[in-house]
Amino acid sequence: MEGTLLYKAQHDREKADLDVLARALKLVDDAKLMVASLVEVAIQPRSRLELAYGNAIILYLSALFRLEGYCGPESRLMAQGIIQHAKAMPSATAWSYSMSWPLYQAGLYLDEKCLAEREWLASHFKSTLSANGCCQVGRALEVLQAIWRDERDDFVWNSIEAGSQKRFLLLV
């Protein structure tokens, strides 16, 4: 949430001022520390969920502030890792349904080479929508599919700009 407030408080969203950028980098570093502490124990659903959220926070802040390497191969691997954690969750459970926000962040990073991941993600969101009726999951999928149709090289939408492309979107 702090990253979102930093982003929205900026006057020039194309270029963050140095103080805002330093604070965003500190948030990324904190998330990286959290992720590093969980990597060894990520076999239980809770650990996988925490690891997915930590990686999604890193992706979110990196795209939001266009941090160096934000659309590089490491970020795409991190996005694919989030999907792998979601796939390892027991399906049709609160654990798997709790992955919507990290999966949405990961989906923003899936390029045309990640067709299998895109298909799995779309299927997962449709299943989640069917199970819990939350229209936000359906809207998230609509936004992702629109972005996937409008491929851009070396560019990743941040979730604030992406969500505004269609309509109000709120995932937790």
N, C-alpha and C. Protein backbone atom coordinates (compact mmCIF):
# COMPACT_ATOMS: atom_id res chain seq x y z
N MET A 1 0.82 -1.19 0.00
CA MET A 1 0.00 0.00 0.00
C MET A 1 0.87 1.26 0.00
N GLU A 2 1.98 1.19 0.73
CA GLU A 2 2.87 2.35 0.76
C GLU A 2 3.39 2.70 -0.63
N GLY A 3 3.68 1.67 -1.43
CA GLY A 3 4.14 1.91 -2.79
C GLY A 3 3.10 2.62 -3.63
N THR A 4 1.85 2.23 -3.47
CA THR A 4 0.76 2.87 -4.21
C THR A 4 0.63 4.34 -3.81
N LEU A 5 0.71 4.61 -2.51
CA LEU A 5 0.63 5.99 -2.03
C LEU A 5 1.79 6.82 -2.55
N LEU A 6 3.00 6.25 -2.56
CA LEU A 6 4.15 6.96 -3.10
C LEU A 6 3.92 7.31 -4.57
N TYR A 7 3.44 6.33 -5.32
CA TYR A 7 3.20 6.52 -6.74
C TYR A 7 2.16 7.61 -6.99
N LYS A 8 1.07 7.54 -6.27
CA LYS A 8 -0.02 8.50 -6.49
C LYS A 8 0.31 9.90 -6.00
N ALA A 9 1.25 10.02 -5.06
CA ALA A 9 1.63 11.33 -4.53
C ALA A 9 2.60 12.08 -5.45
N GLN A 10 3.17 11.39 -6.41
CA GLN A 10 4.13 12.03 -7.32
C GLN A 10 3.43 13.01 -8.23
N HIS A 11 4.14 14.05 -8.59
CA HIS A 11 3.60 15.00 -9.56
C HIS A 11 3.87 14.51 -10.98
N ASP A 12 5.05 13.96 -11.20
CA ASP A 12 5.42 13.46 -12.52
C ASP A 12 5.55 11.95 -12.44
N ARG A 13 4.55 11.24 -12.89
CA ARG A 13 4.56 9.78 -12.76
C ARG A 13 5.50 9.11 -13.75
N GLU A 14 5.94 9.85 -14.76
CA GLU A 14 6.88 9.29 -15.71
C GLU A 14 8.27 9.18 -15.12
N LYS A 15 8.59 10.05 -14.17
CA LYS A 15 9.93 10.04 -13.57
C LYS A 15 9.80 10.36 -12.08
N ALA A 16 10.10 9.37 -11.27
CA ALA A 16 10.00 9.54 -9.82
C ALA A 16 11.12 10.44 -9.33
N ASP A 17 10.82 11.28 -8.31
CA ASP A 17 11.90 12.08 -7.73
C ASP A 17 12.78 11.16 -6.88
N LEU A 18 13.96 11.61 -6.55
CA LEU A 18 14.95 10.76 -5.90
C LEU A 18 14.49 10.22 -4.55
N ASP A 19 13.79 11.04 -3.77
CA ASP A 19 13.30 10.57 -2.47
C ASP A 19 12.27 9.46 -2.64
N VAL A 20 11.35 9.64 -3.55
CA VAL A 20 10.32 8.63 -3.81
C VAL A 20 10.98 7.35 -4.33
N LEU A 21 11.92 7.50 -5.23
CA LEU A 21 12.62 6.34 -5.78
C LEU A 21 13.39 5.59 -4.68
N ALA A 22 14.05 6.32 -3.80
CA ALA A 22 14.78 5.68 -2.70
C ALA A 22 13.83 4.92 -1.78
N ARG A 23 12.67 5.49 -1.51
CA ARG A 23 11.69 4.81 -0.66
C ARG A 23 11.13 3.57 -1.36
N ALA A 24 10.90 3.67 -2.66
CA ALA A 24 10.41 2.51 -3.42
C ALA A 24 11.47 1.40 -3.43
N LEU A 25 12.73 1.76 -3.63
CA LEU A 25 13.80 0.77 -3.61
C LEU A 25 13.92 0.10 -2.24
N LYS A 26 13.70 0.86 -1.18
CA LYS A 26 13.72 0.28 0.18
C LYS A 26 12.60 -0.74 0.33
N LEU A 27 11.43 -0.44 -0.20
CA LEU A 27 10.31 -1.39 -0.15
C LEU A 27 10.65 -2.66 -0.93
N VAL A 28 11.28 -2.51 -2.08
CA VAL A 28 11.69 -3.68 -2.87
C VAL A 28 12.71 -4.49 -2.10
N ASP A 29 13.68 -3.82 -1.49
CA ASP A 29 14.69 -4.54 -0.70
C ASP A 29 14.05 -5.29 0.45
N ASP A 30 13.08 -4.67 1.13
CA ASP A 30 12.37 -5.35 2.22
C ASP A 30 11.64 -6.59 1.72
N ALA A 31 11.00 -6.47 0.56
CA ALA A 31 10.29 -7.61 -0.01
C ALA A 31 11.26 -8.72 -0.40
N LYS A 32 12.43 -8.34 -0.93
CA LYS A 32 13.44 -9.34 -1.31
C LYS A 32 13.94 -10.09 -0.07
N LEU A 33 14.11 -9.38 1.05
CA LEU A 33 14.53 -10.04 2.29
C LEU A 33 13.46 -11.03 2.75
N MET A 34 12.20 -10.63 2.66
CA MET A 34 11.11 -11.52 3.05
C MET A 34 11.11 -12.77 2.17
N VAL A 35 11.25 -12.57 0.86
CA VAL A 35 11.26 -13.69 -0.08
C VAL A 35 12.43 -14.62 0.22
N ALA A 36 13.61 -14.05 0.45
CA ALA A 36 14.79 -14.87 0.73
C ALA A 36 14.60 -15.71 1.98
N SER A 37 13.89 -15.18 2.96
CA SER A 37 13.67 -15.94 4.20
C SER A 37 12.67 -17.07 4.02
N LEU A 38 11.87 -17.02 2.97
CA LEU A 38 10.83 -18.03 2.76
C LEU A 38 11.20 -19.10 1.74
N VAL A 39 12.19 -18.85 0.92
CA VAL A 39 12.50 -19.76 -0.18
C VAL A 39 12.71 -21.19 0.29
N GLU A 40 13.39 -21.36 1.40
CA GLU A 40 13.71 -22.71 1.89
C GLU A 40 12.50 -23.46 2.43
N VAL A 41 11.47 -22.75 2.86
CA VAL A 41 10.34 -23.41 3.52
C VAL A 41 9.05 -23.38 2.70
N ALA A 42 9.15 -23.03 1.43
CA ALA A 42 7.95 -22.83 0.61
C ALA A 42 7.35 -24.14 0.12
N ILE A 43 6.95 -25.00 1.05
CA ILE A 43 6.29 -26.24 0.65
C ILE A 43 4.86 -26.29 1.17
N GLN A 44 4.56 -25.51 2.18
CA GLN A 44 3.21 -25.44 2.72
C GLN A 44 2.45 -24.34 2.00
N PRO A 45 1.13 -24.47 1.89
CA PRO A 45 0.36 -23.43 1.18
C PRO A 45 0.60 -22.02 1.72
N ARG A 46 0.67 -21.87 3.03
CA ARG A 46 0.87 -20.53 3.59
C ARG A 46 2.21 -19.95 3.14
N SER A 47 3.26 -20.75 3.19
CA SER A 47 4.58 -20.28 2.76
C SER A 47 4.59 -19.94 1.27
N ARG A 48 3.92 -20.76 0.48
CA ARG A 48 3.84 -20.49 -0.95
C ARG A 48 3.08 -19.18 -1.21
N LEU A 49 2.02 -18.97 -0.46
CA LEU A 49 1.23 -17.75 -0.60
C LEU A 49 2.08 -16.53 -0.22
N GLU A 50 2.80 -16.61 0.89
CA GLU A 50 3.64 -15.50 1.32
C GLU A 50 4.75 -15.23 0.30
N LEU A 51 5.33 -16.29 -0.23
CA LEU A 51 6.39 -16.14 -1.23
C LEU A 51 5.84 -15.51 -2.51
N ALA A 52 4.67 -15.94 -2.92
CA ALA A 52 4.04 -15.36 -4.11
C ALA A 52 3.74 -13.89 -3.90
N TYR A 53 3.22 -13.53 -2.72
CA TYR A 53 2.94 -12.12 -2.43
C TYR A 53 4.23 -11.31 -2.41
N GLY A 54 5.28 -11.84 -1.79
CA GLY A 54 6.56 -11.12 -1.76
C GLY A 54 7.09 -10.85 -3.15
N ASN A 55 7.06 -11.87 -4.00
CA ASN A 55 7.51 -11.68 -5.39
C ASN A 55 6.60 -10.74 -6.15
N ALA A 56 5.30 -10.81 -5.90
CA ALA A 56 4.36 -9.91 -6.58
C ALA A 56 4.58 -8.46 -6.16
N ILE A 57 4.93 -8.25 -4.90
CA ILE A 57 5.23 -6.89 -4.43
C ILE A 57 6.44 -6.35 -5.18
N ILE A 58 7.45 -7.19 -5.35
CA ILE A 58 8.65 -6.77 -6.09
C ILE A 58 8.28 -6.42 -7.53
N LEU A 59 7.49 -7.26 -8.19
CA LEU A 59 7.07 -6.97 -9.56
C LEU A 59 6.23 -5.70 -9.63
N TYR A 60 5.30 -5.57 -8.69
CA TYR A 60 4.40 -4.41 -8.65
C TYR A 60 5.20 -3.11 -8.54
N LEU A 61 6.10 -3.05 -7.56
CA LEU A 61 6.88 -1.83 -7.35
C LEU A 61 7.84 -1.57 -8.51
N SER A 62 8.41 -2.64 -9.05
CA SER A 62 9.34 -2.48 -10.16
C SER A 62 8.65 -1.88 -11.38
N ALA A 63 7.46 -2.34 -11.69
CA ALA A 63 6.71 -1.79 -12.82
C ALA A 63 6.17 -0.40 -12.50
N LEU A 64 5.72 -0.21 -11.28
CA LEU A 64 5.13 1.07 -10.89
C LEU A 64 6.14 2.21 -11.03
N PHE A 65 7.37 1.96 -10.60
CA PHE A 65 8.39 3.00 -10.62
C PHE A 65 9.40 2.81 -11.75
N ARG A 66 9.12 1.86 -12.66
CA ARG A 66 9.99 1.59 -13.81
C ARG A 66 11.44 1.43 -13.33
N LEU A 67 11.61 0.60 -12.30
CA LEU A 67 12.94 0.38 -11.75
C LEU A 67 13.80 -0.35 -12.77
N GLU A 68 15.09 -0.15 -12.67
CA GLU A 68 16.02 -0.75 -13.64
C GLU A 68 15.78 -2.25 -13.76
N GLY A 69 15.67 -2.70 -14.99
CA GLY A 69 15.46 -4.13 -15.25
C GLY A 69 14.05 -4.61 -14.98
N TYR A 70 13.09 -3.67 -14.84
CA TYR A 70 11.73 -4.06 -14.45
C TYR A 70 11.06 -4.97 -15.47
N CYS A 71 11.48 -4.91 -16.71
CA CYS A 71 10.85 -5.82 -17.69
C CYS A 71 11.88 -6.78 -18.26
N GLY A 72 12.90 -7.07 -17.47
CA GLY A 72 13.94 -7.98 -17.91
C GLY A 72 13.60 -9.44 -17.64
N PRO A 73 14.52 -10.32 -18.00
CA PRO A 73 14.27 -11.76 -17.87
C PRO A 73 14.07 -12.21 -16.42
N GLU A 74 14.74 -11.57 -15.45
CA GLU A 74 14.55 -11.98 -14.06
C GLU A 74 13.11 -11.74 -13.61
N SER A 75 12.54 -10.64 -14.04
CA SER A 75 11.16 -10.34 -13.66
C SER A 75 10.19 -11.34 -14.28
N ARG A 76 10.44 -11.70 -15.51
CA ARG A 76 9.57 -12.69 -16.17
C ARG A 76 9.69 -14.05 -15.50
N LEU A 77 10.90 -14.41 -15.08
CA LEU A 77 11.08 -15.67 -14.33
C LEU A 77 10.36 -15.62 -12.98
N MET A 78 10.40 -14.46 -12.34
CA MET A 78 9.70 -14.29 -11.07
C MET A 78 8.19 -14.46 -11.27
N ALA A 79 7.68 -13.90 -12.37
CA ALA A 79 6.25 -14.04 -12.68
C ALA A 79 5.90 -15.50 -12.90
N GLN A 80 6.73 -16.21 -13.64
CA GLN A 80 6.48 -17.63 -13.87
C GLN A 80 6.57 -18.41 -12.55
N GLY A 81 7.46 -17.99 -11.65
CA GLY A 81 7.57 -18.63 -10.35
C GLY A 81 6.31 -18.47 -9.52
N ILE A 82 5.70 -17.29 -9.60
CA ILE A 82 4.43 -17.06 -8.89
C ILE A 82 3.38 -18.04 -9.39
N ILE A 83 3.33 -18.23 -10.69
CA ILE A 83 2.36 -19.17 -11.27
C ILE A 83 2.67 -20.59 -10.81
N GLN A 84 3.94 -20.96 -10.72
CA GLN A 84 4.29 -22.30 -10.24
C GLN A 84 3.83 -22.51 -8.80
N HIS A 85 3.98 -21.48 -7.97
CA HIS A 85 3.49 -21.58 -6.59
C HIS A 85 1.98 -21.75 -6.56
N ALA A 86 1.29 -21.02 -7.42
CA ALA A 86 -0.17 -21.14 -7.46
C ALA A 86 -0.59 -22.53 -7.93
N LYS A 87 0.12 -23.07 -8.90
CA LYS A 87 -0.20 -24.41 -9.39
C LYS A 87 0.02 -25.47 -8.31
N ALA A 88 0.96 -25.22 -7.40
CA ALA A 88 1.27 -26.17 -6.34
C ALA A 88 0.27 -26.11 -5.18
N MET A 89 -0.58 -25.10 -5.19
CA MET A 89 -1.61 -24.98 -4.15
C MET A 89 -2.70 -26.02 -4.36
N PRO A 90 -3.31 -26.47 -3.27
CA PRO A 90 -4.49 -27.33 -3.44
C PRO A 90 -5.55 -26.54 -4.21
N SER A 91 -6.08 -27.13 -5.29
CA SER A 91 -7.05 -26.39 -6.11
C SER A 91 -8.39 -26.25 -5.39
N ALA A 92 -9.12 -25.24 -5.81
CA ALA A 92 -10.47 -24.95 -5.29
C ALA A 92 -10.48 -24.84 -3.77
N THR A 93 -9.48 -24.14 -3.23
CA THR A 93 -9.41 -23.90 -1.79
C THR A 93 -9.22 -22.41 -1.55
N ALA A 94 -9.39 -22.00 -0.33
CA ALA A 94 -9.15 -20.60 0.02
C ALA A 94 -7.71 -20.21 -0.30
N TRP A 95 -6.77 -21.17 -0.16
CA TRP A 95 -5.37 -20.88 -0.49
C TRP A 95 -5.24 -20.50 -1.95
N SER A 96 -5.83 -21.27 -2.83
CA SER A 96 -5.68 -20.98 -4.25
C SER A 96 -6.45 -19.71 -4.65
N TYR A 97 -7.59 -19.48 -4.02
CA TYR A 97 -8.36 -18.28 -4.33
C TYR A 97 -7.67 -17.02 -3.82
N SER A 98 -6.81 -17.17 -2.83
CA SER A 98 -6.08 -16.02 -2.26
C SER A 98 -4.92 -15.56 -3.14
N MET A 99 -4.68 -16.25 -4.21
CA MET A 99 -3.56 -15.93 -5.10
C MET A 99 -3.91 -14.92 -6.19
N SER A 100 -5.11 -14.36 -6.18
CA SER A 100 -5.54 -13.50 -7.29
C SER A 100 -4.61 -12.31 -7.52
N TRP A 101 -4.25 -11.58 -6.47
CA TRP A 101 -3.41 -10.40 -6.66
C TRP A 101 -2.01 -10.77 -7.16
N PRO A 102 -1.32 -11.74 -6.53
CA PRO A 102 -0.01 -12.10 -7.08
C PRO A 102 -0.11 -12.62 -8.52
N LEU A 103 -1.14 -13.37 -8.82
CA LEU A 103 -1.29 -13.89 -10.18
C LEU A 103 -1.55 -12.77 -11.18
N TYR A 104 -2.32 -11.77 -10.77
CA TYR A 104 -2.56 -10.62 -11.65
C TYR A 104 -1.24 -9.90 -11.94
N GLN A 105 -0.44 -9.68 -10.90
CA GLN A 105 0.86 -9.03 -11.10
C GLN A 105 1.72 -9.86 -12.04
N ALA A 106 1.73 -11.17 -11.84
CA ALA A 106 2.51 -12.06 -12.72
C ALA A 106 1.98 -11.98 -14.15
N GLY A 107 0.67 -11.94 -14.31
CA GLY A 107 0.07 -11.89 -15.63
C GLY A 107 0.49 -10.69 -16.44
N LEU A 108 0.78 -9.59 -15.78
CA LEU A 108 1.24 -8.39 -16.48
C LEU A 108 2.59 -8.61 -17.14
N TYR A 109 3.35 -9.58 -16.66
CA TYR A 109 4.70 -9.86 -17.16
C TYR A 109 4.76 -10.99 -18.17
N LEU A 110 3.65 -11.64 -18.45
CA LEU A 110 3.67 -12.79 -19.35
C LEU A 110 3.64 -12.33 -20.80
N ASP A 111 4.73 -12.57 -21.51
CA ASP A 111 4.79 -12.17 -22.91
C ASP A 111 4.28 -13.30 -23.81
N GLU A 112 4.41 -13.11 -25.11
CA GLU A 112 3.86 -14.08 -26.08
C GLU A 112 4.53 -15.44 -25.99
N LYS A 113 5.70 -15.52 -25.38
CA LYS A 113 6.38 -16.81 -25.21
C LYS A 113 5.79 -17.63 -24.07
N CYS A 114 4.94 -17.03 -23.29
CA CYS A 114 4.38 -17.68 -22.09
C CYS A 114 2.93 -18.09 -22.31
N LEU A 115 2.62 -18.66 -23.45
CA LEU A 115 1.24 -19.01 -23.78
C LEU A 115 0.65 -20.02 -22.80
N ALA A 116 1.41 -21.02 -22.39
CA ALA A 116 0.89 -22.02 -21.46
C ALA A 116 0.53 -21.38 -20.12
N GLU A 117 1.38 -20.47 -19.66
CA GLU A 117 1.10 -19.78 -18.40
C GLU A 117 -0.14 -18.88 -18.53
N ARG A 118 -0.26 -18.20 -19.67
CA ARG A 118 -1.44 -17.36 -19.91
C ARG A 118 -2.71 -18.20 -19.89
N GLU A 119 -2.66 -19.34 -20.57
CA GLU A 119 -3.84 -20.21 -20.61
C GLU A 119 -4.19 -20.74 -19.22
N TRP A 120 -3.17 -21.14 -18.45
CA TRP A 120 -3.42 -21.63 -17.10
C TRP A 120 -4.02 -20.52 -16.25
N LEU A 121 -3.45 -19.31 -16.35
CA LEU A 121 -3.93 -18.18 -15.56
C LEU A 121 -5.37 -17.85 -15.90
N ALA A 122 -5.70 -17.83 -17.18
CA ALA A 122 -7.09 -17.55 -17.59
C ALA A 122 -8.02 -18.62 -17.03
N SER A 123 -7.62 -19.86 -17.12
CA SER A 123 -8.43 -20.96 -16.59
C SER A 123 -8.61 -20.83 -15.06
N HIS A 124 -7.53 -20.49 -14.38
CA HIS A 124 -7.59 -20.33 -12.92
C HIS A 124 -8.54 -19.19 -12.55
N PHE A 125 -8.43 -18.05 -13.24
CA PHE A 125 -9.31 -16.92 -12.93
C PHE A 125 -10.77 -17.26 -13.22
N LYS A 126 -11.01 -17.98 -14.31
CA LYS A 126 -12.39 -18.38 -14.62
C LYS A 126 -12.94 -19.33 -13.55
N SER A 127 -12.11 -20.24 -13.11
CA SER A 127 -12.51 -21.18 -12.05
C SER A 127 -12.78 -20.45 -10.75
N THR A 128 -11.93 -19.49 -10.41
CA THR A 128 -12.12 -18.70 -9.19
C THR A 128 -13.40 -17.89 -9.28
N LEU A 129 -13.64 -17.26 -10.42
CA LEU A 129 -14.87 -16.50 -10.63
C LEU A 129 -16.09 -17.39 -10.48
N SER A 130 -16.05 -18.56 -11.07
CA SER A 130 -17.16 -19.50 -10.99
C SER A 130 -17.41 -19.96 -9.56
N ALA A 131 -16.33 -20.14 -8.80
CA ALA A 131 -16.46 -20.66 -7.43
C ALA A 131 -16.93 -19.61 -6.44
N ASN A 132 -16.40 -18.38 -6.56
CA ASN A 132 -16.75 -17.40 -5.53
C ASN A 132 -17.55 -16.21 -6.04
N GLY A 133 -17.74 -16.11 -7.34
CA GLY A 133 -18.60 -15.07 -7.90
C GLY A 133 -18.05 -13.66 -7.81
N CYS A 134 -16.79 -13.50 -7.43
CA CYS A 134 -16.19 -12.17 -7.31
C CYS A 134 -15.91 -11.61 -8.70
N CYS A 135 -16.64 -10.58 -9.07
CA CYS A 135 -16.50 -10.03 -10.42
C CYS A 135 -15.13 -9.40 -10.64
N GLN A 136 -14.41 -9.05 -9.58
CA GLN A 136 -13.09 -8.45 -9.75
C GLN A 136 -12.12 -9.41 -10.43
N VAL A 137 -12.26 -10.70 -10.16
CA VAL A 137 -11.39 -11.69 -10.81
C VAL A 137 -11.68 -11.71 -12.31
N GLY A 138 -12.95 -11.64 -12.68
CA GLY A 138 -13.31 -11.57 -14.09
C GLY A 138 -12.78 -10.31 -14.75
N ARG A 139 -12.86 -9.19 -14.04
CA ARG A 139 -12.33 -7.93 -14.58
C ARG A 139 -10.82 -8.01 -14.73
N ALA A 140 -10.14 -8.63 -13.76
CA ALA A 140 -8.69 -8.79 -13.85
C ALA A 140 -8.33 -9.57 -15.11
N LEU A 141 -9.07 -10.63 -15.37
CA LEU A 141 -8.81 -11.43 -16.57
C LEU A 141 -9.07 -10.60 -17.83
N GLU A 142 -10.14 -9.82 -17.86
CA GLU A 142 -10.41 -8.95 -19.02
C GLU A 142 -9.26 -8.00 -19.27
N VAL A 143 -8.73 -7.39 -18.20
CA VAL A 143 -7.62 -6.45 -18.33
C VAL A 143 -6.39 -7.17 -18.87
N LEU A 144 -6.08 -8.32 -18.29
CA LEU A 144 -4.90 -9.07 -18.75
C LEU A 144 -5.04 -9.47 -20.21
N GLN A 145 -6.21 -9.96 -20.61
CA GLN A 145 -6.40 -10.37 -22.00
C GLN A 145 -6.28 -9.20 -22.96
N ALA A 146 -6.75 -8.02 -22.55
CA ALA A 146 -6.61 -6.83 -23.39
C ALA A 146 -5.14 -6.45 -23.53
N ILE A 147 -4.39 -6.55 -22.44
CA ILE A 147 -2.96 -6.23 -22.48
C ILE A 147 -2.22 -7.25 -23.33
N TRP A 148 -2.57 -8.52 -23.18
CA TRP A 148 -1.91 -9.56 -23.96
C TRP A 148 -2.15 -9.37 -25.46
N ARG A 149 -3.32 -8.87 -25.84
CA ARG A 149 -3.60 -8.62 -27.26
C ARG A 149 -2.79 -7.45 -27.78
N ASP A 150 -2.45 -6.51 -26.90
CA ASP A 150 -1.74 -5.28 -27.27
C ASP A 150 -0.27 -5.39 -26.86
N GLU A 151 0.40 -6.44 -27.34
CA GLU A 151 1.81 -6.69 -26.97
C GLU A 151 2.68 -5.48 -27.27
N ARG A 152 3.60 -5.21 -26.35
CA ARG A 152 4.61 -4.19 -26.58
C ARG A 152 5.95 -4.76 -26.15
N ASP A 153 6.96 -4.60 -26.97
CA ASP A 153 8.29 -5.08 -26.60
C ASP A 153 8.88 -4.19 -25.51
N ASP A 154 9.58 -4.82 -24.58
CA ASP A 154 10.28 -4.11 -23.50
C ASP A 154 9.38 -3.15 -22.73
N PHE A 155 8.16 -3.56 -22.49
CA PHE A 155 7.24 -2.73 -21.71
C PHE A 155 6.34 -3.64 -20.90
N VAL A 156 6.13 -3.27 -19.66
CA VAL A 156 5.19 -3.97 -18.80
C VAL A 156 4.28 -2.92 -18.19
N TRP A 157 3.00 -3.15 -18.27
CA TRP A 157 2.05 -2.25 -17.63
C TRP A 157 2.19 -2.36 -16.13
N ASN A 158 2.08 -1.24 -15.43
CA ASN A 158 1.93 -1.37 -13.98
C ASN A 158 0.45 -1.57 -13.72
N SER A 159 0.11 -2.14 -12.60
CA SER A 159 -1.28 -2.54 -12.40
C SER A 159 -2.23 -1.37 -12.24
N ILE A 160 -1.74 -0.21 -11.86
CA ILE A 160 -2.63 0.96 -11.76
C ILE A 160 -3.03 1.42 -13.16
N GLU A 161 -2.05 1.57 -14.05
CA GLU A 161 -2.35 1.98 -15.42
C GLU A 161 -3.14 0.90 -16.16
N ALA A 162 -2.79 -0.35 -15.94
CA ALA A 162 -3.48 -1.45 -16.62
C ALA A 162 -4.94 -1.50 -16.20
N GLY A 163 -5.19 -1.39 -14.91
CA GLY A 163 -6.56 -1.45 -14.42
C GLY A 163 -7.42 -0.32 -14.94
N SER A 164 -6.81 0.84 -15.14
CA SER A 164 -7.59 1.98 -15.63
C SER A 164 -7.91 1.85 -17.11
N GLN A 165 -7.32 0.88 -17.80
CA GLN A 165 -7.60 0.68 -19.22
C GLN A 165 -9.02 0.19 -19.46
N LYS A 166 -9.56 -0.53 -18.50
CA LYS A 166 -10.90 -1.10 -18.68
C LYS A 166 -11.89 -0.42 -17.74
N ARG A 167 -11.72 -0.64 -16.45
CA ARG A 167 -12.61 -0.06 -15.45
C ARG A 167 -12.04 -0.36 -14.08
N PHE A 168 -12.72 0.09 -13.05
CA PHE A 168 -12.24 -0.06 -11.68
C PHE A 168 -11.92 -1.52 -11.38
N LEU A 169 -10.78 -1.73 -10.74
CA LEU A 169 -10.32 -3.08 -10.44
C LEU A 169 -9.75 -3.10 -9.02
N LEU A 170 -10.22 -4.03 -8.22
CA LEU A 170 -9.72 -4.16 -6.85
C LEU A 170 -9.52 -5.63 -6.54
N LEU A 171 -8.26 -6.02 -6.37
CA LEU A 171 -7.93 -7.39 -6.00
C LEU A 171 -7.16 -7.37 -4.68
N VAL A 172 -7.40 -8.37 -3.86
CA VAL A 172 -6.65 -8.51 -2.62
C VAL A 172 -6.11 -9.92 -2.51
